Amino acid sequence: MRGVRAAQVSVTAGTVLHGSHLGLRTWFLAAWLMATHKNGISARRLGKQLGLGSYKSAWLLVRKLRRAMVDPDREPLAGLVEVDETSIPFRAKDEPIRPGRSREGKLLLAGAVEIEGKGPGRVRLAVIDDYSAVALGAFVAAAIAAGSTVVSDGWSGYARLKEVKHDPKVVGDVPAHLVLPWIHRVFANAKRWALGVYHGLRPAHLQAYLDEFVFRFNRRRTPAAAFDRLLGLSLTLEPATYQMLVGRS
């Protein structure tokens, strides 16, 4: 085990740690905190906890680790899958939030969660441009395996799904969280996390923040294994330039 971990350290130093002036101990502590902390940790708080000299150093460290939280070979969701869309308020000072499915003043997300027995399994969250059939169909195609059964709230954007079975549950007067309980619980958890840790999300790097939430949620029962997985995924990455990291997702 020590030999494997030593090999991981050696190779990781050429990928995620490429060009970093921070020591291995700092990187490993940061990876442990990001992978195992129940509610995640902001760059500002992480920087203070690790004694880093600047917010920029902490942000780049977090951004590099967050980039390693998506497995390029991950399997799509399968079986019975709840799908829905939601929004996170985003507005400038004194700008009102529009009601309904309007995109003005909001960050739009699509989400899906596998149903395992009587509870949730893996999840996916993705930024979308709108609630159209094109956007939602692309999300379903990318996140859910062909032949699966998709349960939706009957929104017209799901009417033309391909390669999956569609089981629309028209909400009507029934509260949506009773029709699609698990995806609504995921959305609620994600929003509390965004407000509690980051005091609200912004459009820049939004997908990377969602990937961080998904990474921990999907490994919520095995936090120690999540740390090992984060190290393992970091081995697959090519070094990222500063321009790549600060660019919008």
C-alpha atoms as a PDB file:
ATOM      1  CA  MET A   1       0.000   0.000   0.000  1.00  0.00           C
ATOM      2  CA  ARG A   2       2.826   2.386   0.830  1.00  0.00           C
ATOM      3  CA  GLY A   3       4.433   1.630  -2.525  1.00  0.00           C
ATOM      4  CA  VAL A   4       1.204   2.390  -4.367  1.00  0.00           C
ATOM      5  CA  ARG A   5       0.739   5.652  -2.472  1.00  0.00           C
ATOM      6  CA  ALA A   6       4.349   6.646  -3.162  1.00  0.00           C
ATOM      7  CA  ALA A   7       3.807   6.023  -6.857  1.00  0.00           C
ATOM      8  CA  GLN A   8       0.659   8.117  -6.720  1.00  0.00           C
ATOM      9  CA  VAL A   9       2.548  10.985  -5.120  1.00  0.00           C
ATOM     10  CA  SER A  10       5.282  10.802  -7.736  1.00  0.00           C
ATOM     11  CA  VAL A  11       2.936  10.806 -10.702  1.00  0.00           C
ATOM     12  CA  THR A  12       0.516  13.302  -9.198  1.00  0.00           C
ATOM     13  CA  ALA A  13       3.365  15.759  -8.825  1.00  0.00           C
ATOM     14  CA  GLY A  14       3.582  15.797 -12.613  1.00  0.00           C
ATOM     15  CA  THR A  15      -0.137  16.388 -13.163  1.00  0.00           C
ATOM     16  CA  VAL A  16      -2.334  18.199 -10.650  1.00  0.00           C
ATOM     17  CA  LEU A  17       0.686  19.641  -8.840  1.00  0.00           C
ATOM     18  CA  HIS A  18       2.389  20.736 -12.044  1.00  0.00           C
ATOM     19  CA  GLY A  19       4.021  24.133 -11.597  1.00  0.00           C
ATOM     20  CA  SER A  20       2.950  24.456  -7.957  1.00  0.00           C
ATOM     21  CA  HIS A  21       5.209  25.951  -5.317  1.00  0.00           C
ATOM     22  CA  LEU A  22       3.210  24.350  -2.501  1.00  0.00           C
ATOM     23  CA  GLY A  23       4.522  21.303  -0.682  1.00  0.00           C
ATOM     24  CA  LEU A  24       3.064  17.802  -0.965  1.00  0.00           C
ATOM     25  CA  ARG A  25       1.779  17.913   2.595  1.00  0.00           C
ATOM     26  CA  THR A  26      -0.260  21.013   1.774  1.00  0.00           C
ATOM     27  CA  TRP A  27      -1.699  19.407  -1.359  1.00  0.00           C
ATOM     28  CA  PHE A  28      -2.601  16.190   0.422  1.00  0.00           C
ATOM     29  CA  LEU A  29      -4.258  18.032   3.293  1.00  0.00           C
ATOM     30  CA  ALA A  30      -6.236  20.100   0.797  1.00  0.00           C
ATOM     31  CA  ALA A  31      -7.309  16.995  -1.126  1.00  0.00           C
ATOM     32  CA  TRP A  32      -8.358  15.283   2.112  1.00  0.00           C
ATOM     33  CA  LEU A  33     -10.443  18.262   3.222  1.00  0.00           C
ATOM     34  CA  MET A  34     -12.128  18.696  -0.159  1.00  0.00           C
ATOM     35  CA  ALA A  35     -12.896  15.005  -0.560  1.00  0.00           C
ATOM     36  CA  THR A  36     -14.062  14.204   2.964  1.00  0.00           C
ATOM     37  CA  HIS A  37     -15.504  17.412   4.419  1.00  0.00           C
ATOM     38  CA  LYS A  38     -19.252  16.815   4.586  1.00  0.00           C
ATOM     39  CA  ASN A  39     -20.217  20.264   3.338  1.00  0.00           C
ATOM     40  CA  GLY A  40     -17.152  21.104   1.307  1.00  0.00           C
ATOM     41  CA  ILE A  41     -14.796  23.963   2.032  1.00  0.00           C
ATOM     42  CA  SER A  42     -14.291  27.314   0.338  1.00  0.00           C
ATOM     43  CA  ALA A  43     -10.939  28.456  -0.978  1.00  0.00           C
ATOM     44  CA  ARG A  44     -10.829  31.283   1.559  1.00  0.00           C
ATOM     45  CA  ARG A  45     -11.447  28.962   4.502  1.00  0.00           C
ATOM     46  CA  LEU A  46      -9.048  26.351   3.135  1.00  0.00           C
ATOM     47  CA  GLY A  47      -6.331  28.974   2.722  1.00  0.00           C
ATOM     48  CA  LYS A  48      -6.705  30.054   6.346  1.00  0.00           C
ATOM     49  CA  GLN A  49      -6.716  26.480   7.595  1.00  0.00           C
ATOM     50  CA  LEU A  50      -3.553  25.604   5.658  1.00  0.00           C
ATOM     51  CA  GLY A  51      -1.826  28.901   6.407  1.00  0.00           C
ATOM     52  CA  LEU A  52      -1.494  29.950   2.769  1.00  0.00           C
ATOM     53  CA  GLY A  53      -0.242  33.451   2.088  1.00  0.00           C
ATOM     54  CA  SER A  54      -2.813  34.560  -0.470  1.00  0.00           C
ATOM     55  CA  TYR A  55      -6.348  33.877  -1.645  1.00  0.00           C
ATOM     56  CA  LYS A  56      -5.041  33.366  -5.191  1.00  0.00           C
ATOM     57  CA  SER A  57      -2.880  30.431  -4.073  1.00  0.00           C
ATOM     58  CA  ALA A  58      -5.808  28.850  -2.235  1.00  0.00           C
ATOM     59  CA  TRP A  59      -8.181  29.375  -5.160  1.00  0.00           C
ATOM     60  CA  LEU A  60      -5.798  27.822  -7.685  1.00  0.00           C
ATOM     61  CA  LEU A  61      -5.202  24.849  -5.383  1.00  0.00           C
ATOM     62  CA  VAL A  62      -8.952  24.268  -5.000  1.00  0.00           C
ATOM     63  CA  ARG A  63      -9.574  24.823  -8.715  1.00  0.00           C
ATOM     64  CA  LYS A  64      -6.975  22.218  -9.695  1.00  0.00           C
ATOM     65  CA  LEU A  65      -8.398  19.630  -7.303  1.00  0.00           C
ATOM     66  CA  ARG A  66     -11.954  20.390  -8.374  1.00  0.00           C
ATOM     67  CA  ARG A  67     -10.893  19.776 -11.968  1.00  0.00           C
ATOM     68  CA  ALA A  68      -9.904  16.237 -10.945  1.00  0.00           C
ATOM     69  CA  MET A  69     -13.348  15.437  -9.533  1.00  0.00           C
ATOM     70  CA  VAL A  70     -14.827  14.214 -12.819  1.00  0.00           C
ATOM     71  CA  ASP A  71     -13.991  10.717 -14.003  1.00  0.00           C
ATOM     72  CA  PRO A  72     -13.795  10.882 -17.828  1.00  0.00           C
ATOM     73  CA  ASP A  73     -14.766   7.193 -17.945  1.00  0.00           C
ATOM     74  CA  ARG A  74     -17.638   7.296 -15.475  1.00  0.00           C
ATOM     75  CA  GLU A  75     -20.662   5.167 -16.290  1.00  0.00           C
ATOM     76  CA  PRO A  76     -23.948   6.940 -17.064  1.00  0.00           C
ATOM     77  CA  LEU A  77     -26.856   6.636 -14.668  1.00  0.00           C
ATOM     78  CA  ALA A  78     -29.038   3.615 -15.339  1.00  0.00           C
ATOM     79  CA  GLY A  79     -32.253   1.877 -14.331  1.00  0.00           C
ATOM     80  CA  LEU A  80     -34.965   4.077 -12.835  1.00  0.00           C
ATOM     81  CA  VAL A  81     -33.861   7.720 -12.895  1.00  0.00           C
ATOM     82  CA  GLU A  82     -35.646  10.855 -11.692  1.00  0.00           C
ATOM     83  CA  VAL A  83     -34.941  13.939 -13.823  1.00  0.00           C
ATOM     84  CA  ASP A  84     -35.870  17.550 -13.229  1.00  0.00           C
ATOM     85  CA  GLU A  85     -34.581  21.071 -13.627  1.00  0.00           C
ATOM     86  CA  THR A  86     -34.190  23.928 -11.202  1.00  0.00           C
ATOM     87  CA  SER A  87     -32.553  27.320 -10.814  1.00  0.00           C
ATOM     88  CA  ILE A  88     -30.325  29.099  -8.338  1.00  0.00           C
ATOM     89  CA  PRO A  89     -31.067  32.804  -7.929  1.00  0.00           C
ATOM     90  CA  PHE A  90     -28.395  35.077  -9.316  1.00  0.00           C
ATOM     91  CA  ARG A  91     -28.981  38.788  -9.471  1.00  0.00           C
ATOM     92  CA  ALA A  92     -27.261  42.094  -9.107  1.00  0.00           C
ATOM     93  CA  LYS A  93     -28.156  44.417  -6.255  1.00  0.00           C
ATOM     94  CA  ASP A  94     -31.840  45.460  -6.270  1.00  0.00           C
ATOM     95  CA  GLU A  95     -32.582  43.305  -9.342  1.00  0.00           C
ATOM     96  CA  PRO A  96     -35.799  41.297  -8.834  1.00  0.00           C
ATOM     97  CA  ILE A  97     -35.997  37.516  -9.248  1.00  0.00           C
ATOM     98  CA  ARG A  98     -38.417  36.496 -11.981  1.00  0.00           C
ATOM     99  CA  PRO A  99     -40.992  33.782 -11.208  1.00  0.00           C
ATOM    100  CA  GLY A 100     -41.592  30.512 -13.022  1.00  0.00           C
ATOM    101  CA  ARG A 101     -39.244  29.017 -15.599  1.00  0.00           C
ATOM    102  CA  SER A 102     -37.914  32.360 -16.814  1.00  0.00           C
ATOM    103  CA  ARG A 103     -34.117  32.315 -17.103  1.00  0.00           C
ATOM    104  CA  GLU A 104     -33.651  35.976 -16.161  1.00  0.00           C
ATOM    105  CA  GLY A 105     -31.692  36.441 -12.957  1.00  0.00           C
ATOM    106  CA  LYS A 106     -31.154  32.714 -12.469  1.00  0.00           C
ATOM    107  CA  LEU A 107     -28.550  30.024 -13.006  1.00  0.00           C
ATOM    108  CA  LEU A 108     -30.279  27.064 -14.653  1.00  0.00           C
ATOM    109  CA  LEU A 109     -29.475  23.458 -13.758  1.00  0.00           C
ATOM    110  CA  ALA A 110     -30.633  20.029 -14.847  1.00  0.00           C
ATOM    111  CA  GLY A 111     -30.340  17.110 -12.457  1.00  0.00           C
ATOM    112  CA  ALA A 112     -30.799  13.355 -12.424  1.00  0.00           C
ATOM    113  CA  VAL A 113     -30.632  10.751  -9.674  1.00  0.00           C
ATOM    114  CA  GLU A 114     -30.691   6.963  -9.824  1.00  0.00           C
ATOM    115  CA  ILE A 115     -33.251   5.256  -7.616  1.00  0.00           C
ATOM    116  CA  GLU A 116     -31.773   2.337  -5.698  1.00  0.00           C
ATOM    117  CA  GLY A 117     -34.418   0.498  -3.739  1.00  0.00           C
ATOM    118  CA  LYS A 118     -36.124   3.168  -1.636  1.00  0.00           C
ATOM    119  CA  GLY A 119     -33.361   5.755  -1.799  1.00  0.00           C
ATOM    120  CA  PRO A 120     -31.053   7.745  -4.076  1.00  0.00           C
ATOM    121  CA  GLY A 121     -27.959   6.358  -5.771  1.00  0.00           C
ATOM    122  CA  ARG A 122     -25.618   8.363  -7.991  1.00  0.00           C
ATOM    123  CA  VAL A 123     -26.480  11.827  -9.243  1.00  0.00           C
ATOM    124  CA  ARG A 124     -25.585  14.160 -12.093  1.00  0.00           C
ATOM    125  CA  LEU A 125     -25.935  17.950 -12.225  1.00  0.00           C
ATOM    126  CA  ALA A 126     -25.280  20.116 -15.271  1.00  0.00           C
ATOM    127  CA  VAL A 127     -25.563  23.738 -16.298  1.00  0.00           C
ATOM    128  CA  ILE A 128     -28.122  24.279 -19.063  1.00  0.00           C
ATOM    129  CA  ASP A 129     -28.936  27.305 -21.205  1.00  0.00           C
ATOM    130  CA  ASP A 130     -32.714  26.955 -20.999  1.00  0.00           C
ATOM    131  CA  TYR A 131     -35.511  24.475 -20.310  1.00  0.00           C
ATOM    132  CA  SER A 132     -36.046  23.561 -23.956  1.00  0.00           C
ATOM    133  CA  ALA A 133     -36.336  20.048 -25.377  1.00  0.00           C
ATOM    134  CA  VAL A 134     -32.925  20.513 -27.016  1.00  0.00           C
ATOM    135  CA  ALA A 135     -31.156  21.376 -23.754  1.00  0.00           C
ATOM    136  CA  LEU A 136     -32.922  18.785 -21.606  1.00  0.00           C
ATOM    137  CA  GLY A 137     -32.651  16.096 -24.274  1.00  0.00           C
ATOM    138  CA  ALA A 138     -28.893  16.673 -24.511  1.00  0.00           C
ATOM    139  CA  PHE A 139     -28.560  16.411 -20.731  1.00  0.00           C
ATOM    140  CA  VAL A 140     -30.489  13.133 -20.588  1.00  0.00           C
ATOM    141  CA  ALA A 141     -28.509  11.681 -23.492  1.00  0.00           C
ATOM    142  CA  ALA A 142     -25.196  12.532 -21.815  1.00  0.00           C
ATOM    143  CA  ALA A 143     -26.107  11.507 -18.263  1.00  0.00           C
ATOM    144  CA  ILE A 144     -28.407   8.484 -18.600  1.00  0.00           C
ATOM    145  CA  ALA A 145     -27.818   5.116 -20.261  1.00  0.00           C
ATOM    146  CA  ALA A 146     -29.996   4.012 -23.167  1.00  0.00           C
ATOM    147  CA  GLY A 147     -32.851   1.760 -22.118  1.00  0.00           C
ATOM    148  CA  SER A 148     -33.254   3.400 -18.708  1.00  0.00           C
ATOM    149  CA  THR A 149     -36.599   4.697 -17.446  1.00  0.00           C
ATOM    150  CA  VAL A 150     -36.741   8.458 -16.943  1.00  0.00           C
ATOM    151  CA  VAL A 151     -39.334   9.815 -14.527  1.00  0.00           C
ATOM    152  CA  SER A 152     -40.151  13.498 -15.068  1.00  0.00           C
ATOM    153  CA  ASP A 153     -42.790  15.980 -13.970  1.00  0.00           C
ATOM    154  CA  GLY A 154     -44.379  16.012 -17.421  1.00  0.00           C
ATOM    155  CA  TRP A 155     -42.716  19.256 -18.569  1.00  0.00           C
ATOM    156  CA  SER A 156     -42.888  19.542 -22.378  1.00  0.00           C
ATOM    157  CA  GLY A 157     -39.106  19.733 -22.602  1.00  0.00           C
ATOM    158  CA  TYR A 158     -38.990  15.988 -21.896  1.00  0.00           C
ATOM    159  CA  ALA A 159     -41.599  15.011 -24.473  1.00  0.00           C
ATOM    160  CA  ARG A 160     -39.082  14.126 -27.206  1.00  0.00           C
ATOM    161  CA  LEU A 161     -36.546  12.080 -25.246  1.00  0.00           C
ATOM    162  CA  LYS A 162     -34.787   9.384 -27.264  1.00  0.00           C
ATOM    163  CA  GLU A 163     -33.175   6.057 -26.346  1.00  0.00           C
ATOM    164  CA  VAL A 164     -34.886   6.000 -22.925  1.00  0.00           C
ATOM    165  CA  LYS A 165     -38.326   5.120 -21.623  1.00  0.00           C
ATOM    166  CA  HIS A 166     -40.204   8.198 -20.435  1.00  0.00           C
ATOM    167  CA  ASP A 167     -42.583   7.994 -17.489  1.00  0.00           C
ATOM    168  CA  PRO A 168     -44.030  11.494 -16.990  1.00  0.00           C
ATOM    169  CA  LYS A 169     -45.704  12.131 -13.637  1.00  0.00           C
ATOM    170  CA  VAL A 170     -47.845  15.204 -14.198  1.00  0.00           C
ATOM    171  CA  VAL A 171     -47.550  17.360 -11.101  1.00  0.00           C
ATOM    172  CA  GLY A 172     -50.772  19.340 -11.292  1.00  0.00           C
ATOM    173  CA  ASP A 173     -51.825  20.385  -7.793  1.00  0.00           C
ATOM    174  CA  VAL A 174     -49.523  17.834  -6.151  1.00  0.00           C
ATOM    175  CA  PRO A 175     -46.317  19.319  -4.660  1.00  0.00           C
ATOM    176  CA  ALA A 176     -43.426  18.513  -6.990  1.00  0.00           C
ATOM    177  CA  HIS A 177     -41.286  17.137  -4.170  1.00  0.00           C
ATOM    178  CA  LEU A 178     -43.868  14.404  -3.605  1.00  0.00           C
ATOM    179  CA  VAL A 179     -43.809  13.360  -7.268  1.00  0.00           C
ATOM    180  CA  LEU A 180     -40.001  13.481  -7.637  1.00  0.00           C
ATOM    181  CA  PRO A 181     -38.767  13.275  -4.035  1.00  0.00           C
ATOM    182  CA  TRP A 182     -35.129  12.312  -4.539  1.00  0.00           C
ATOM    183  CA  ILE A 183     -34.054  14.775  -7.197  1.00  0.00           C
ATOM    184  CA  HIS A 184     -35.749  17.533  -5.206  1.00  0.00           C
ATOM    185  CA  ARG A 185     -33.793  16.463  -2.131  1.00  0.00           C
ATOM    186  CA  VAL A 186     -30.573  16.618  -4.164  1.00  0.00           C
ATOM    187  CA  PHE A 187     -31.480  20.100  -5.414  1.00  0.00           C
ATOM    188  CA  ALA A 188     -32.268  21.251  -1.862  1.00  0.00           C
ATOM    189  CA  ASN A 189     -28.962  19.888  -0.555  1.00  0.00           C
ATOM    190  CA  ALA A 190     -27.040  21.533  -3.399  1.00  0.00           C
ATOM    191  CA  LYS A 191     -28.666  24.905  -2.773  1.00  0.00           C
ATOM    192  CA  ARG A 192     -28.001  24.773   0.967  1.00  0.00           C
ATOM    193  CA  TRP A 193     -24.397  23.828   0.227  1.00  0.00           C
ATOM    194  CA  ALA A 194     -23.998  26.695  -2.254  1.00  0.00           C
ATOM    195  CA  LEU A 195     -25.426  29.242   0.158  1.00  0.00           C
ATOM    196  CA  GLY A 196     -23.724  27.889   3.253  1.00  0.00           C
ATOM    197  CA  VAL A 197     -20.216  27.374   1.872  1.00  0.00           C
ATOM    198  CA  TYR A 198     -20.015  29.918  -0.935  1.00  0.00           C
ATOM    199  CA  HIS A 199     -22.827  32.341  -0.011  1.00  0.00           C
ATOM    200  CA  GLY A 200     -24.285  31.813  -3.465  1.00  0.00           C
ATOM    201  CA  LEU A 201     -22.821  30.662  -6.759  1.00  0.00           C
ATOM    202  CA  ARG A 202     -21.918  32.735  -9.805  1.00  0.00           C
ATOM    203  CA  PRO A 203     -21.870  31.833 -13.518  1.00  0.00           C
ATOM    204  CA  ALA A 204     -18.073  31.591 -13.736  1.00  0.00           C
ATOM    205  CA  HIS A 205     -16.924  28.006 -13.095  1.00  0.00           C
ATOM    206  CA  LEU A 206     -20.474  26.954 -12.144  1.00  0.00           C
ATOM    207  CA  GLN A 207     -20.135  23.480 -13.685  1.00  0.00           C
ATOM    208  CA  ALA A 208     -16.935  22.873 -11.714  1.00  0.00           C
ATOM    209  CA  TYR A 209     -18.758  23.700  -8.470  1.00  0.00           C
ATOM    210  CA  LEU A 210     -21.552  21.301  -9.401  1.00  0.00           C
ATOM    211  CA  ASP A 211     -18.989  18.605 -10.212  1.00  0.00           C
ATOM    212  CA  GLU A 212     -17.522  19.055  -6.727  1.00  0.00           C
ATOM    213  CA  PHE A 213     -20.942  18.581  -5.120  1.00  0.00           C
ATOM    214  CA  VAL A 214     -21.650  15.504  -7.261  1.00  0.00           C
ATOM    215  CA  PHE A 215     -18.258  13.973  -6.450  1.00  0.00           C
ATOM    216  CA  ARG A 216     -18.858  14.102  -2.711  1.00  0.00           C
ATOM    217  CA  PHE A 217     -22.545  13.161  -2.907  1.00  0.00           C
ATOM    218  CA  ASN A 218     -21.779  10.040  -4.932  1.00  0.00           C
ATOM    219  CA  ARG A 219     -19.177   9.012  -2.340  1.00  0.00           C
ATOM    220  CA  ARG A 220     -21.039  10.179   0.754  1.00  0.00           C
ATOM    221  CA  ARG A 221     -20.907   6.723   2.355  1.00  0.00           C
ATOM    222  CA  THR A 222     -17.144   6.253   1.790  1.00  0.00           C
ATOM    223  CA  PRO A 223     -15.328   9.550   2.506  1.00  0.00           C
ATOM    224  CA  ALA A 224     -11.921   7.915   2.963  1.00  0.00           C
ATOM    225  CA  ALA A 225     -12.267   6.153  -0.385  1.00  0.00           C
ATOM    226  CA  ALA A 226     -13.238   9.511  -1.897  1.00  0.00           C
ATOM    227  CA  PHE A 227      -9.797  10.842  -0.972  1.00  0.00           C
ATOM    228  CA  ASP A 228      -8.073   7.918  -2.693  1.00  0.00           C
ATOM    229  CA  ARG A 229     -10.322   8.368  -5.724  1.00  0.00           C
ATOM    230  CA  LEU A 230      -9.468  12.043  -5.972  1.00  0.00           C
ATOM    231  CA  LEU A 231      -5.772  11.184  -5.994  1.00  0.00           C
ATOM    232  CA  GLY A 232      -6.350   8.487  -8.604  1.00  0.00           C
ATOM    233  CA  LEU A 233      -8.345  10.760 -10.900  1.00  0.00           C
ATOM    234  CA  SER A 234      -5.644  13.413 -10.662  1.00  0.00           C
ATOM    235  CA  LEU A 235      -3.254  10.998 -12.363  1.00  0.00           C
ATOM    236  CA  THR A 236      -5.303  11.089 -15.568  1.00  0.00           C
ATOM    237  CA  LEU A 237      -5.071  14.854 -16.059  1.00  0.00           C
ATOM    238  CA  GLU A 238      -2.739  16.772 -18.265  1.00  0.00           C
ATOM    239  CA  PRO A 239      -1.184  19.846 -16.625  1.00  0.00           C
ATOM    240  CA  ALA A 240      -3.501  22.857 -16.775  1.00  0.00           C
ATOM    241  CA  THR A 241      -2.276  26.348 -17.533  1.00  0.00           C
ATOM    242  CA  TYR A 242      -3.336  29.314 -15.429  1.00  0.00           C
ATOM    243  CA  GLN A 243      -5.389  30.586 -18.380  1.00  0.00           C
ATOM    244  CA  MET A 244      -7.270  27.266 -18.545  1.00  0.00           C
ATOM    245  CA  LEU A 245      -8.049  27.348 -14.841  1.00  0.00           C
ATOM    246  CA  VAL A 246      -9.311  30.926 -14.695  1.00  0.00           C
ATOM    247  CA  GLY A 247     -11.377  30.593 -17.873  1.00  0.00           C
ATOM    248  CA  ARG A 248     -15.106  30.158 -17.555  1.00  0.00           C
ATOM    249  CA  SER A 249     -16.477  26.606 -17.530  1.00  0.00           C
END
